[in-house]
Protein backbone atom coordinates (compact mmCIF):
# COMPACT_ATOMS: atom_id res chain seq x y z
CA MET A 1 14.94 11.17 -12.54
CA SER A 2 13.61 8.81 -15.17
CA ALA A 3 13.01 5.10 -14.82
CA GLN A 4 14.98 2.75 -17.07
CA PRO A 5 13.18 -0.33 -18.36
CA ALA A 6 14.87 -3.68 -18.10
CA PRO A 7 16.64 -5.08 -21.15
CA PRO A 8 15.11 -8.03 -23.01
CA THR A 9 16.86 -10.60 -20.83
CA GLU A 10 18.63 -10.55 -17.52
CA SER A 11 21.95 -11.26 -19.19
CA ALA A 12 21.65 -8.43 -21.67
CA SER A 13 23.70 -5.30 -21.52
CA SER A 14 22.97 -2.97 -18.64
CA SER A 15 22.98 0.06 -20.94
CA ALA A 16 19.65 1.81 -21.19
CA PRO A 17 17.67 1.12 -24.39
CA ALA A 18 16.72 3.95 -26.70
CA LEU A 19 13.39 5.69 -26.23
CA THR A 20 12.00 4.20 -29.44
CA GLU A 21 13.38 0.70 -28.87
CA VAL A 22 10.57 -1.80 -28.46
CA GLU A 23 10.55 -3.24 -24.94
CA ALA A 24 10.85 -7.02 -25.01
CA HIS A 25 10.87 -7.55 -21.26
CA GLY A 26 7.86 -9.47 -19.93
CA VAL A 27 6.62 -10.24 -16.42
CA GLU A 28 9.74 -12.12 -15.30
CA ARG A 29 11.45 -10.64 -12.26
CA ILE A 30 13.29 -7.42 -13.10
CA PRO A 31 17.00 -7.80 -12.27
CA ASP A 32 18.13 -5.67 -9.35
CA ALA A 33 20.67 -3.82 -11.51
CA ASP A 34 17.92 -2.58 -13.83
CA ARG A 35 15.48 -1.44 -11.15
CA THR A 36 16.38 2.24 -11.12
CA ALA A 37 12.93 3.86 -11.01
CA THR A 38 11.91 6.05 -8.07
CA PRO A 39 8.67 6.69 -6.17
CA LEU A 40 8.50 9.97 -8.10
CA ASP A 41 8.34 8.00 -11.34
CA LEU A 42 5.48 5.97 -9.87
CA PHE A 43 3.71 9.22 -8.96
CA ARG A 44 4.15 10.54 -12.50
CA LEU A 45 2.71 7.43 -14.09
CA ALA A 46 -0.22 7.02 -11.71
CA PHE A 47 -1.10 10.72 -11.69
CA GLY A 48 -0.39 11.18 -15.39
CA GLY A 49 -2.68 8.28 -16.19
CA ALA A 50 -5.55 10.02 -14.37
CA ASN A 51 -4.77 13.71 -14.96
CA THR A 52 -6.75 13.53 -18.17
CA PHE A 53 -9.88 14.47 -20.04
CA SER A 54 -11.50 11.12 -19.32
CA THR A 55 -11.21 11.81 -15.58
CA CYS A 56 -13.08 15.06 -16.22
CA VAL A 57 -15.87 12.98 -17.74
CA LEU A 58 -16.03 10.90 -14.55
CA GLY A 59 -15.99 14.14 -12.56
CA ALA A 60 -19.14 15.25 -14.37
CA PHE A 61 -21.17 12.26 -13.16
CA PRO A 62 -22.27 13.84 -9.84
CA ILE A 63 -23.95 16.61 -11.85
CA LEU A 64 -25.41 14.06 -14.27
CA PHE A 65 -26.83 12.27 -11.22
CA GLY A 66 -28.60 15.49 -10.15
CA LEU A 67 -26.34 16.62 -7.28
CA SER A 68 -25.54 20.25 -6.56
CA PHE A 69 -21.97 21.48 -6.94
CA TRP A 70 -21.23 21.21 -3.21
CA GLN A 71 -22.90 17.82 -2.92
CA GLY A 72 -20.95 16.67 -5.94
CA LEU A 73 -17.72 18.00 -4.45
CA ALA A 74 -18.36 16.07 -1.23
CA ALA A 75 -19.03 12.88 -3.22
CA THR A 76 -15.90 13.46 -5.29
CA VAL A 77 -13.61 14.03 -2.30
CA LEU A 78 -15.10 10.98 -0.55
CA GLY A 79 -14.55 8.81 -3.62
CA VAL A 80 -10.98 9.98 -4.21
CA LEU A 81 -9.93 9.62 -0.56
CA ALA A 82 -11.51 6.18 -0.13
CA GLY A 83 -10.11 4.99 -3.42
CA ALA A 84 -6.61 6.28 -2.65
CA LEU A 85 -6.60 4.53 0.74
CA ILE A 86 -7.71 1.26 -0.84
CA LEU A 87 -5.21 1.54 -3.67
CA CYS A 88 -1.95 2.73 -2.13
CA PRO A 89 -0.87 -0.52 -0.35
CA MET A 90 -0.96 -2.27 -3.73
CA ALA A 91 2.18 -0.36 -4.74
CA VAL A 92 4.48 -2.43 -2.51
CA PHE A 93 4.21 -5.71 -4.43
CA GLY A 94 6.23 -4.42 -7.39
CA PRO A 95 9.38 -3.47 -5.45
CA VAL A 96 9.16 -6.60 -3.27
CA ASN A 97 8.80 -9.11 -6.10
CA GLY A 98 10.08 -7.26 -9.16
CA THR A 99 7.03 -8.27 -11.18
CA ASN A 100 3.46 -7.15 -11.74
CA ASN A 101 0.60 -7.56 -9.27
CA ALA A 102 -1.14 -10.36 -11.16
CA VAL A 103 1.99 -12.51 -10.90
CA SER A 104 2.42 -11.55 -7.23
CA SER A 105 -1.13 -12.73 -6.57
CA SER A 106 0.07 -16.31 -7.23
CA ALA A 107 1.20 -16.38 -3.61
CA HIS A 108 -2.38 -15.96 -2.36
CA LEU A 109 -4.61 -17.30 -5.15
CA GLY A 110 -2.32 -20.05 -6.41
CA VAL A 111 -0.16 -20.51 -9.48
CA HIS A 112 -3.26 -20.83 -11.68
CA GLY A 113 -5.41 -18.49 -9.58
CA ARG A 114 -3.28 -15.57 -10.67
CA VAL A 115 -5.36 -15.45 -13.89
CA VAL A 116 -8.00 -13.63 -11.81
CA GLY A 117 -5.67 -10.61 -11.77
CA SER A 118 -5.25 -10.92 -15.52
CA PHE A 119 -9.02 -10.92 -15.98
CA LEU A 120 -9.39 -7.83 -13.78
CA SER A 121 -6.66 -5.98 -15.67
CA LEU A 122 -8.39 -6.82 -18.95
CA LEU A 123 -11.72 -5.54 -17.65
CA THR A 124 -10.08 -2.33 -16.45
CA ALA A 125 -8.08 -1.82 -19.62
CA VAL A 126 -11.15 -2.17 -21.84
CA ALA A 127 -13.14 0.26 -19.70
CA PHE A 128 -10.57 3.03 -19.31
CA PHE A 129 -8.93 2.68 -22.72
CA SER A 130 -12.41 2.97 -24.20
CA LEU A 131 -13.25 5.94 -21.99
CA SER A 132 -10.07 7.75 -23.02
CA VAL A 133 -10.70 7.15 -26.72
CA TRP A 134 -14.39 8.11 -26.45
CA SER A 135 -13.83 11.33 -24.54
CA SER A 136 -10.72 12.41 -26.43
CA GLY A 137 -12.18 11.53 -29.82
CA ASP A 138 -15.39 13.42 -29.08
CA ALA A 139 -13.42 16.46 -27.93
CA LEU A 140 -11.19 16.44 -31.01
CA VAL A 141 -14.14 16.15 -33.40
CA GLY A 142 -16.10 18.81 -31.51
CA GLY A 143 -13.13 21.15 -31.41
CA ALA A 144 -12.44 20.66 -35.11
CA HIS A 145 -16.10 21.38 -35.81
CA ARG A 146 -15.95 24.69 -33.94
CA LEU A 147 -12.52 25.67 -35.31
CA PHE A 148 -12.66 24.45 -38.90
CA GLY A 149 -16.29 23.57 -39.56
CA LEU A 150 -15.64 19.80 -39.71
CA GLU A 151 -18.91 17.88 -39.97
CA ARG A 152 -19.77 16.05 -36.75
CA GLY A 153 -20.94 12.92 -38.52
CA THR A 154 -20.40 9.24 -37.87
CA LEU A 155 -17.44 9.09 -40.25
CA SER A 156 -15.65 11.87 -38.39
CA TYR A 157 -16.02 10.05 -35.08
CA VAL A 158 -14.95 6.72 -36.58
CA VAL A 159 -11.78 8.25 -38.03
CA ALA A 160 -11.00 10.13 -34.79
CA TYR A 161 -11.45 7.02 -32.63
CA ALA A 162 -9.39 4.85 -34.97
CA LEU A 163 -6.51 7.33 -35.23
CA PHE A 164 -6.42 8.00 -31.51
CA ALA A 165 -6.58 4.30 -30.61
CA GLY A 166 -3.75 3.68 -33.07
CA LEU A 167 -1.56 6.30 -31.40
CA VAL A 168 -2.15 4.77 -27.97
CA LEU A 169 -1.37 1.29 -29.28
CA ALA A 170 1.87 2.53 -30.79
CA VAL A 171 3.08 3.92 -27.45
CA CYS A 172 2.15 0.68 -25.66
CA VAL A 173 3.99 -1.40 -28.24
CA TYR A 174 7.21 0.57 -27.63
CA GLY A 175 6.79 -0.09 -23.92
CA PHE A 176 7.61 1.26 -20.50
CA ARG A 177 10.28 3.82 -21.39
CA PHE A 178 8.19 5.50 -24.07
CA MET A 179 5.12 5.41 -21.80
CA LEU A 180 7.05 7.10 -18.99
CA PHE A 181 8.19 9.78 -21.45
CA VAL A 182 4.59 10.45 -22.53
CA ASN A 183 3.42 10.66 -18.92
CA LYS A 184 6.17 13.08 -17.95
CA ILE A 185 4.86 15.44 -20.62
CA ALA A 186 1.24 14.77 -19.71
CA VAL A 187 1.59 15.54 -15.99
CA THR A 188 2.91 19.05 -16.60
CA SER A 189 1.05 20.02 -19.75
CA ALA A 190 -2.35 18.69 -18.66
CA SER A 191 -2.04 20.45 -15.30
CA VAL A 192 -1.25 23.74 -17.05
CA LEU A 193 -4.22 23.28 -19.40
CA PHE A 194 -6.57 22.55 -16.49
CA LEU A 195 -5.41 25.71 -14.71
CA LEU A 196 -5.89 27.61 -17.96
CA GLY A 197 -9.41 26.19 -18.08
CA ALA A 198 -10.07 27.54 -14.61
CA VAL A 199 -9.34 30.99 -16.03
CA ALA A 200 -11.53 30.33 -19.08
CA PHE A 201 -14.60 29.38 -17.02
CA ALA A 202 -14.08 31.49 -13.90
CA GLY A 203 -16.60 34.12 -15.00
CA ASP A 204 -19.37 31.57 -15.64
CA PHE A 205 -18.83 29.32 -12.64
CA ASP A 206 -21.40 29.58 -9.85
CA PRO A 207 -20.80 27.29 -6.86
CA SER A 208 -24.43 27.77 -5.79
CA TYR A 209 -25.67 25.45 -8.57
CA ALA A 210 -28.45 23.58 -6.73
CA GLY A 211 -29.00 20.38 -8.72
CA VAL A 212 -32.37 18.61 -8.57
CA PHE A 213 -32.45 17.69 -4.87
CA THR A 214 -33.78 21.03 -3.63
CA ASP A 215 -36.33 21.82 -0.93
CA SER A 216 -38.95 22.31 -3.63
CA ALA A 217 -38.36 18.86 -5.15
CA ASP A 218 -41.10 16.27 -4.75
CA ALA A 219 -40.77 13.41 -2.28
CA ALA A 220 -39.87 10.87 -4.95
CA THR A 221 -36.97 13.01 -6.14
CA ARG A 222 -35.70 13.72 -2.62
CA SER A 223 -35.76 9.99 -1.82
CA MET A 224 -33.17 9.46 -4.56
CA PHE A 225 -30.57 11.76 -3.00
CA TRP A 226 -28.54 9.20 -1.06
CA PRO A 227 -28.59 6.58 -3.81
CA SER A 228 -27.40 9.27 -6.24
CA PHE A 229 -24.75 10.58 -3.83
CA ILE A 230 -23.31 7.13 -3.10
CA GLY A 231 -23.54 6.17 -6.76
CA ALA A 232 -21.59 9.28 -7.76
CA ALA A 233 -18.93 8.60 -5.11
CA LEU A 234 -18.54 5.04 -6.38
CA ILE A 235 -18.06 6.23 -9.95
CA VAL A 236 -15.28 8.53 -8.70
CA LEU A 237 -13.82 5.77 -6.51
CA SER A 238 -13.58 3.46 -9.52
CA ASN A 239 -10.81 5.63 -10.94
CA PRO A 240 -8.17 5.05 -8.22
CA VAL A 241 -9.30 1.45 -7.72
CA SER A 242 -8.77 0.82 -11.43
CA PHE A 243 -5.01 1.18 -10.88
CA GLY A 244 -4.95 -1.73 -8.41
CA ALA A 245 -4.07 -4.32 -11.02
CA PHE A 246 -1.56 -2.03 -12.73
CA LEU A 247 0.58 -0.45 -9.99
CA GLY A 248 3.01 -3.36 -10.04
CA ASP A 249 3.61 -2.86 -13.76
CA TRP A 250 5.43 0.37 -12.90
CA SER A 251 6.59 -0.11 -9.30
CA ARG A 252 8.45 -3.32 -10.26
CA TYR A 253 11.20 -1.05 -11.59
CA ILE A 254 11.69 0.47 -8.10
CA PRO A 255 14.54 -1.11 -6.06
CA ALA A 256 13.46 -3.54 -3.35
CA ALA A 257 15.37 -1.57 -0.71
CA THR A 258 13.24 1.55 -1.23
CA PRO A 259 11.31 2.34 1.98
CA ARG A 260 7.77 1.06 1.59
CA ARG A 261 6.27 4.20 3.10
CA ARG A 262 7.70 6.22 0.19
CA VAL A 263 6.23 3.85 -2.39
CA VAL A 264 2.83 3.79 -0.67
CA GLY A 265 2.94 7.56 -0.22
CA ALA A 266 3.64 8.13 -3.92
CA ALA A 267 0.61 6.03 -4.87
CA PHE A 268 -1.62 7.82 -2.35
CA LEU A 269 -0.54 11.33 -3.36
CA SER A 270 -0.93 10.52 -7.04
CA GLN A 271 -4.63 9.93 -6.46
CA LEU A 272 -5.13 12.99 -4.24
CA ALA A 273 -3.68 15.03 -7.10
CA THR A 274 -6.47 13.80 -9.38
CA LEU A 275 -8.83 16.15 -7.59
CA LEU A 276 -7.58 18.68 -10.17
CA PRO A 277 -9.25 17.00 -13.20
CA PHE A 278 -12.17 15.72 -11.12
CA VAL A 279 -13.09 19.17 -9.82
CA PHE A 280 -12.57 20.67 -13.29
CA GLY A 281 -15.10 18.19 -14.67
CA LEU A 282 -17.50 18.81 -11.79
CA ALA A 283 -17.32 22.61 -12.06
CA THR A 284 -17.66 22.73 -15.84
CA ALA A 285 -20.54 20.23 -15.73
CA SER A 286 -22.40 22.56 -13.34
CA ILE A 287 -21.90 25.38 -15.86
CA VAL A 288 -23.16 23.15 -18.67
CA ALA A 289 -26.22 22.23 -16.58
CA THR A 290 -27.01 25.94 -16.16
CA GLU A 291 -26.17 27.35 -19.58
CA ALA A 292 -26.71 24.36 -21.90
CA PRO A 293 -28.96 21.94 -19.99
CA LYS A 294 -29.73 19.81 -23.03
CA TYR A 295 -26.24 18.35 -22.76
CA VAL A 296 -26.92 16.92 -19.29
CA ASP A 297 -30.30 15.44 -20.18
CA PRO A 298 -30.35 12.01 -18.44
CA ALA A 299 -31.80 10.49 -21.61
CA ALA A 300 -28.82 11.56 -23.75
CA PRO A 301 -26.01 13.21 -21.73
CA ASP A 302 -23.08 14.69 -23.67
CA PHE A 303 -20.59 16.33 -21.32
CA VAL A 304 -17.94 16.79 -24.00
CA GLY A 305 -20.39 18.51 -26.34
CA GLY A 306 -21.61 20.67 -23.48
CA LEU A 307 -18.07 21.67 -22.53
CA LEU A 308 -17.34 22.77 -26.07
CA ALA A 309 -20.65 24.63 -26.22
CA ILE A 310 -19.80 26.78 -23.19
CA SER A 311 -16.08 27.22 -23.94
CA PRO A 312 -14.79 30.59 -25.15
CA SER A 313 -13.42 30.32 -28.69
CA TRP A 314 -9.82 30.80 -27.57
CA PHE A 315 -10.09 27.68 -25.37
CA PHE A 316 -11.08 25.30 -28.21
CA LEU A 317 -7.46 24.55 -29.10
CA PRO A 318 -6.43 23.91 -25.44
CA VAL A 319 -9.41 21.53 -25.12
CA CYS A 320 -8.18 19.60 -28.15
CA LEU A 321 -4.64 19.49 -26.74
CA LEU A 322 -5.96 18.36 -23.36
CA ALA A 323 -7.97 15.60 -25.02
CA LEU A 324 -4.97 14.45 -27.06
CA ILE A 325 -2.31 14.54 -24.33
CA GLY A 326 -4.49 13.32 -21.49
CA GLY A 327 -6.14 10.62 -23.55
CA MET A 328 -2.77 9.26 -24.59
CA SER A 329 -1.73 9.08 -20.94
CA THR A 330 -4.87 7.26 -19.76
CA GLY A 331 -4.95 4.94 -22.74
CA THR A 332 -1.32 3.87 -22.42
CA THR A 333 -1.37 3.24 -18.67
CA SER A 334 -4.53 1.13 -19.08
CA LEU A 335 -3.43 -0.90 -22.09
CA TYR A 336 0.28 -1.42 -21.41
CA GLY A 337 -0.12 -3.56 -18.30
CA THR A 338 -2.80 -5.78 -19.78
CA GLY A 339 -0.73 -6.53 -22.85
CA LEU A 340 2.23 -7.24 -20.60
CA ASP A 341 0.26 -9.67 -18.45
CA PHE A 342 -1.58 -11.48 -21.24
CA SER A 343 1.72 -12.28 -22.90
CA SER A 344 2.36 -14.56 -19.91
CA VAL A 345 -1.17 -16.00 -19.80
CA PHE A 346 -0.93 -16.93 -23.49
CA PRO A 347 2.72 -17.91 -24.02
CA ARG A 348 2.41 -18.08 -27.80
CA LEU A 349 1.88 -14.32 -27.80
CA SER A 350 4.73 -11.89 -27.32
CA ARG A 351 4.14 -8.74 -25.28
CA VAL A 352 3.64 -6.79 -28.50
CA GLN A 353 1.18 -9.33 -29.93
CA ALA A 354 -0.78 -9.50 -26.68
CA THR A 355 -0.95 -5.70 -26.54
CA LEU A 356 -2.28 -5.55 -30.09
CA LEU A 357 -4.87 -8.25 -29.36
CA VAL A 358 -6.22 -6.49 -26.26
CA GLY A 359 -6.17 -3.20 -28.17
CA VAL A 360 -8.26 -4.64 -31.00
CA LEU A 361 -10.79 -6.07 -28.54
CA SER A 362 -11.02 -2.70 -26.80
CA ILE A 363 -11.50 -0.88 -30.10
CA ALA A 364 -14.40 -3.22 -30.92
CA PHE A 365 -15.99 -2.35 -27.57
CA ILE A 366 -15.41 1.34 -28.25
CA PHE A 367 -17.43 1.28 -31.46
CA ALA A 368 -20.15 -0.94 -29.97
CA GLY A 369 -20.47 1.27 -26.91
CA ARG A 370 -20.42 4.54 -28.83
CA PHE A 371 -22.73 3.65 -31.71
CA GLY A 372 -24.77 0.70 -30.45
CA LEU A 373 -25.17 1.17 -26.68
CA ASP A 374 -25.86 3.88 -24.09
CA LEU A 375 -22.44 5.48 -23.56
CA VAL A 376 -23.04 6.71 -20.00
CA GLN A 377 -24.57 3.41 -18.92
CA SER A 378 -21.67 1.51 -20.49
CA ILE A 379 -19.16 3.56 -18.48
CA SER A 380 -21.18 3.27 -15.26
CA THR A 381 -21.63 -0.48 -15.58
CA PHE A 382 -17.96 -1.10 -16.29
CA ALA A 383 -16.91 1.17 -13.43
CA THR A 384 -19.25 -0.75 -11.13
CA MET A 385 -17.82 -4.09 -12.21
CA ILE A 386 -14.28 -2.81 -11.64
CA ILE A 387 -15.11 -1.83 -8.06
CA THR A 388 -17.06 -4.96 -7.14
CA CYS A 389 -14.56 -7.38 -8.66
CA THR A 390 -11.24 -5.64 -8.00
CA THR A 391 -11.56 -4.41 -4.41
CA PRO A 392 -12.04 -7.90 -2.86
CA TRP A 393 -9.03 -9.13 -4.86
CA MET A 394 -7.00 -6.23 -3.50
CA VAL A 395 -8.12 -7.02 0.07
CA VAL A 396 -6.99 -10.65 -0.31
CA LEU A 397 -3.57 -9.55 -1.56
CA MET A 398 -3.09 -6.90 1.13
CA LEU A 399 -4.10 -9.21 3.97
CA GLY A 400 -1.94 -11.93 2.46
CA PHE A 401 1.00 -9.53 2.39
CA TRP A 402 0.41 -8.72 6.05
CA THR A 403 0.06 -12.33 7.22
CA ARG A 404 3.18 -13.29 5.23
CA ARG A 405 5.10 -10.36 6.76
CA GLY A 406 5.89 -9.16 3.23
CA TRP A 407 7.95 -12.28 2.43
CA TYR A 408 7.72 -13.97 -0.99
CA ASP A 409 9.63 -16.50 -3.05
CA PRO A 410 10.24 -14.65 -6.36
CA ASP A 411 11.20 -17.84 -8.20
CA ALA A 412 8.04 -19.71 -7.17
CA LEU A 413 5.93 -16.76 -8.35
CA GLN A 414 7.15 -17.39 -11.91
CA VAL A 415 6.02 -21.03 -12.14
CA PHE A 416 2.93 -20.22 -14.22
CA ASN A 417 4.84 -17.97 -16.62
CA ARG A 418 7.42 -20.71 -17.25
CA ARG A 419 4.71 -23.36 -17.76
CA GLN A 420 6.01 -25.32 -14.79
CA ARG A 421 4.30 -27.11 -11.92
CA GLY A 422 4.89 -27.24 -8.16
CA GLY A 423 6.65 -24.88 -5.79
CA ARG A 424 5.58 -23.06 -2.63
CA TYR A 425 2.45 -21.62 -4.23
CA TRP A 426 1.13 -24.74 -5.96
CA PHE A 427 -1.39 -25.44 -3.13
CA ALA A 428 -4.17 -27.63 -4.64
CA HIS A 429 -3.28 -28.25 -8.30
CA GLY A 430 -2.27 -24.63 -8.71
CA TRP A 431 -5.26 -23.11 -6.92
CA ASN A 432 -5.37 -21.64 -3.41
CA TRP A 433 -9.06 -22.14 -2.74
CA ARG A 434 -8.91 -19.95 0.41
CA GLY A 435 -8.03 -16.78 -1.48
CA MET A 436 -10.15 -17.75 -4.48
CA THR A 437 -13.23 -18.35 -2.31
CA ALA A 438 -12.81 -15.10 -0.41
CA TRP A 439 -12.53 -13.25 -3.73
CA TRP A 440 -15.45 -14.70 -5.68
CA VAL A 441 -17.88 -14.73 -2.74
CA SER A 442 -17.11 -11.08 -1.94
CA ALA A 443 -17.30 -10.03 -5.59
CA LEU A 444 -20.64 -11.80 -5.98
CA ILE A 445 -22.03 -10.05 -2.89
CA GLY A 446 -20.83 -6.74 -4.28
CA VAL A 447 -22.65 -7.31 -7.57
CA LEU A 448 -25.84 -8.46 -5.82
CA PHE A 449 -26.02 -5.33 -3.63
CA THR A 450 -24.96 -2.75 -6.23
CA ASN A 451 -27.42 0.09 -6.79
CA ILE A 452 -26.55 2.91 -9.17
CA PRO A 453 -29.82 4.67 -10.00
CA GLY A 454 -30.76 4.47 -13.64
CA GLN A 455 -27.59 2.57 -14.50
CA PHE A 456 -27.19 -0.80 -12.77
CA VAL A 457 -29.16 -2.33 -9.89
CA GLY A 458 -28.29 -5.78 -8.55
CA PRO A 459 -30.93 -8.30 -7.43
CA LEU A 460 -30.48 -7.22 -3.77
CA GLY A 461 -29.70 -3.59 -4.53
CA ASP A 462 -32.94 -2.25 -3.04
CA LEU A 463 -32.59 -3.92 0.37
CA ALA A 464 -30.93 -0.79 1.82
CA HIS A 465 -33.72 1.51 0.57
CA GLY A 466 -31.89 2.24 -2.66
CA VAL A 467 -28.52 3.08 -1.05
CA ASP A 468 -25.55 1.27 -2.58
CA ILE A 469 -23.84 -0.72 0.18
CA SER A 470 -21.97 -3.06 -2.14
CA LEU A 471 -18.48 -1.70 -1.43
CA PRO A 472 -18.45 -1.90 2.40
CA LEU A 473 -20.14 -5.31 2.23
CA SER A 474 -17.65 -6.74 -0.27
CA LEU A 475 -14.66 -5.27 1.59
CA ALA A 476 -15.81 -6.61 4.96
CA THR A 477 -16.73 -10.00 3.53
CA ALA A 478 -13.37 -10.39 1.81
CA ALA A 479 -11.41 -9.47 4.96
CA VAL A 480 -13.39 -11.61 7.41
CA LEU A 481 -13.79 -14.60 5.12
CA PHE A 482 -10.16 -14.72 4.01
CA LEU A 483 -8.76 -14.50 7.54
CA ALA A 484 -11.29 -17.06 8.77
CA LEU A 485 -10.32 -19.50 6.02
CA LEU A 486 -6.61 -19.01 6.74
CA TRP A 487 -7.25 -19.80 10.41
CA LEU A 488 -9.60 -22.75 9.90
CA PHE A 489 -7.68 -24.27 6.99
CA PRO A 490 -4.01 -23.34 7.53
CA GLU A 491 -1.71 -22.83 4.58
CA PRO A 492 1.62 -24.69 4.27
CA ARG A 493 4.36 -23.31 6.50
CA ALA A 494 6.63 -23.14 3.44
CA ALA A 495 4.52 -20.32 1.98
CA TYR A 496 5.67 -18.07 4.83
CA GLY A 497 9.07 -16.54 5.47
CA PRO A 498 11.70 -17.27 8.11
CA GLU A 499 9.75 -15.34 10.75
CA GLY A 500 6.60 -17.38 10.22
CA ALA A 501 2.99 -16.30 9.92
CA ARG A 502 1.33 -13.31 11.51
CA LEU A 503 -2.05 -13.95 13.23
CA VAL A 504 -2.93 -17.10 11.25
CA ARG A 505 -1.90 -20.73 11.72
CA THR A 506 0.22 -22.86 9.38
CA VAL A 507 0.70 -26.58 8.78
CA GLU A 508 3.84 -28.52 7.93
CA VAL A 509 3.46 -30.17 4.55
CA PRO A 510 6.11 -30.97 1.93
CA VAL A 511 6.59 -28.52 -0.93
CA PRO A 512 6.07 -30.16 -4.33
CA PRO A 513 9.21 -29.78 -6.44
CA ILE A 514 9.12 -27.45 -9.41
CA THR A 515 8.97 -29.47 -12.61
CA GLY A 516 8.65 -28.54 -16.25
CA PRO A 517 10.57 -26.40 -18.74
CA GLY A 518 13.79 -25.07 -17.28
CA ALA A 519 13.24 -26.65 -13.87
CA ALA A 520 16.63 -28.35 -13.98
CA VAL A 521 18.41 -24.99 -14.17
CA ASP A 522 19.69 -23.77 -10.83
CA ALA A 523 17.35 -21.08 -9.51
CA PRO A 524 18.30 -18.38 -7.02
CA ALA A 525 17.37 -19.15 -3.43
CA PRO A 526 14.29 -17.28 -2.22
CA VAL A 527 15.13 -14.23 -0.19
CA PRO A 528 12.99 -11.72 1.74
CA ALA A 529 13.10 -8.94 -0.87
CA GLY A 530 10.99 -6.49 1.06
CA GLY A 531 13.45 -3.72 1.78
CA ALA A 532 13.22 -1.18 4.55
CA GLY A 533 9.84 -0.33 5.95
C-alpha cells in the first residue's frame, strides 16, 4: 500500500497527485484526510534509505580499524541494535503532530529553539548525501573502467559525482511520492543484488580473517583494540541515529490513530534489516584485506576500489546497479527532509528552492572532501558529530514526549513557520532554555570525550584510556539534566495536556496570545492527537 502525499494546501482536492507532480506541501500539519501512509511505508523508506552501497562502506570500517571479521560483526550488531533502540521512539512524533520532527521539537526547545533540529538535519544530509554520491560515483567509475576501459581520472569522477547528485536532486524536487516510488524499487532490487553478491564472494570469504589484534601483535597494537572496537561500533551506530531528524518527514503521513507500537516497531525493524548491507560490507572488506590489502591501507583506504578488484567480472554490472539504485535511495532520504525543513526556516525559499540550496552546498562538500581532504576521516568526523549532537536532542524530545503524555498543540507548533509570536511553546522569547541547556551541554560533553583512533579525538578523549565513552556520557547527561531542570524550574501548565504532567512539576502562568500573520484567523482547538497506544 503506497503513501499519498498531501496536496499543496489543505483545501485542495483530495485526489492523489501524479507521480511526477512536484510536491508543494511544506511542514504545515498534514490534513487527516491525506494521511494515508502505513507503518509498512515507513519501513520501506527507512530501510530503503539504508539498504545501499554507502551503508556497505560504513560496514567496512571495522576492518579498516583493524578488527577481525568476528570482532567486526560484534561491533556491527552492537551498533545497529543500540542505534535502532535510540531511533525507534522518534517515529511517533510524525503521526501525533502531522509534521516533521524539527517542528515537533518546538514543544521542548521553544518556537525558536526548533532551529536546532534544522541544523542537525542539515549536518546529517550533507554527510549522508555526500557519502552516497562518493561511494556510488566511485563504484560507477570503477565499474565502467573494468567493463569499458573508461579512464579513472579526475574528470571521470567529477562527471560521475555531478550526474549522480543531479539525479538525486531531481527526485527530491518532485517530493515525497516520487521518493517513496524510488525506495519501493530500491528495497527489493538492492536486497536481491546483495544476495547475489553473497553468491559472487562465497568462495573467497573466510570468516577466520584475524585482523591486526592477534596474539602475536605488540603491546601497543593490542592496547588499541577497545578504542578501535568502540569506534567501529559508533560509526555503525551513526547510521540509524542519522534518521532521527528525518523520521517525522515520512511518518507524518501516517494517521494519528495508528497504534504507536506499530509505528515504533516499523522504525526498529527497518534498522535491524540494515544488517544485510552492513554485513555485506564487512565480509567483502575482509576479503579485500586478504586478497588486495593495498586497498585497506590506513594511509589511503579505498573500499570501493578494493571491492571492484576482487569482484568476478560478471558482478561488475550488478555492482554498478547497486551503486546507482542504493545511492539514489540514500541521497533522496537524506536531502528531501532537509530541503523541506529549511523552506520553513527561510520563508523566502520554497521547498524546491531550499532543496536545491542544500543540494548545492552538499555538492561543494563532496568535491572538497573527495579531492581536497581525507575521505575516510571526513566520513568519520561527520558521523561522530551526528552522534554527539543528535542523540542528546533525541533524548530531550523522547523524555519531553513522556512527561507530556504524548499531548501536543498542533497549532502552537506552527508558530515559527507562520512567522508569528506567542502560544503554548513561546516560553522565554521563543526559547525553552531547559531543553536547550540539556541539549548543548550534553552535546559538548560528547564532543569532549569522543575518541575515534586516527580520526577524531576530543580534548578529554583519552581520560578513559583511549576508549570512547562519549555516547553513554552524553545520553546520561541529557536525561538527568533535562529531568532535573524540568523539576527545579517547572514549565507552564498550559504546555501539558488535560491529564497534566508525568513525574515533573508545572506552574500556572498565562499563555501569551498568538500574534502575527494570520493570527486573527480562527484556528482549530488543540486536541490530543496521539492515537491508540
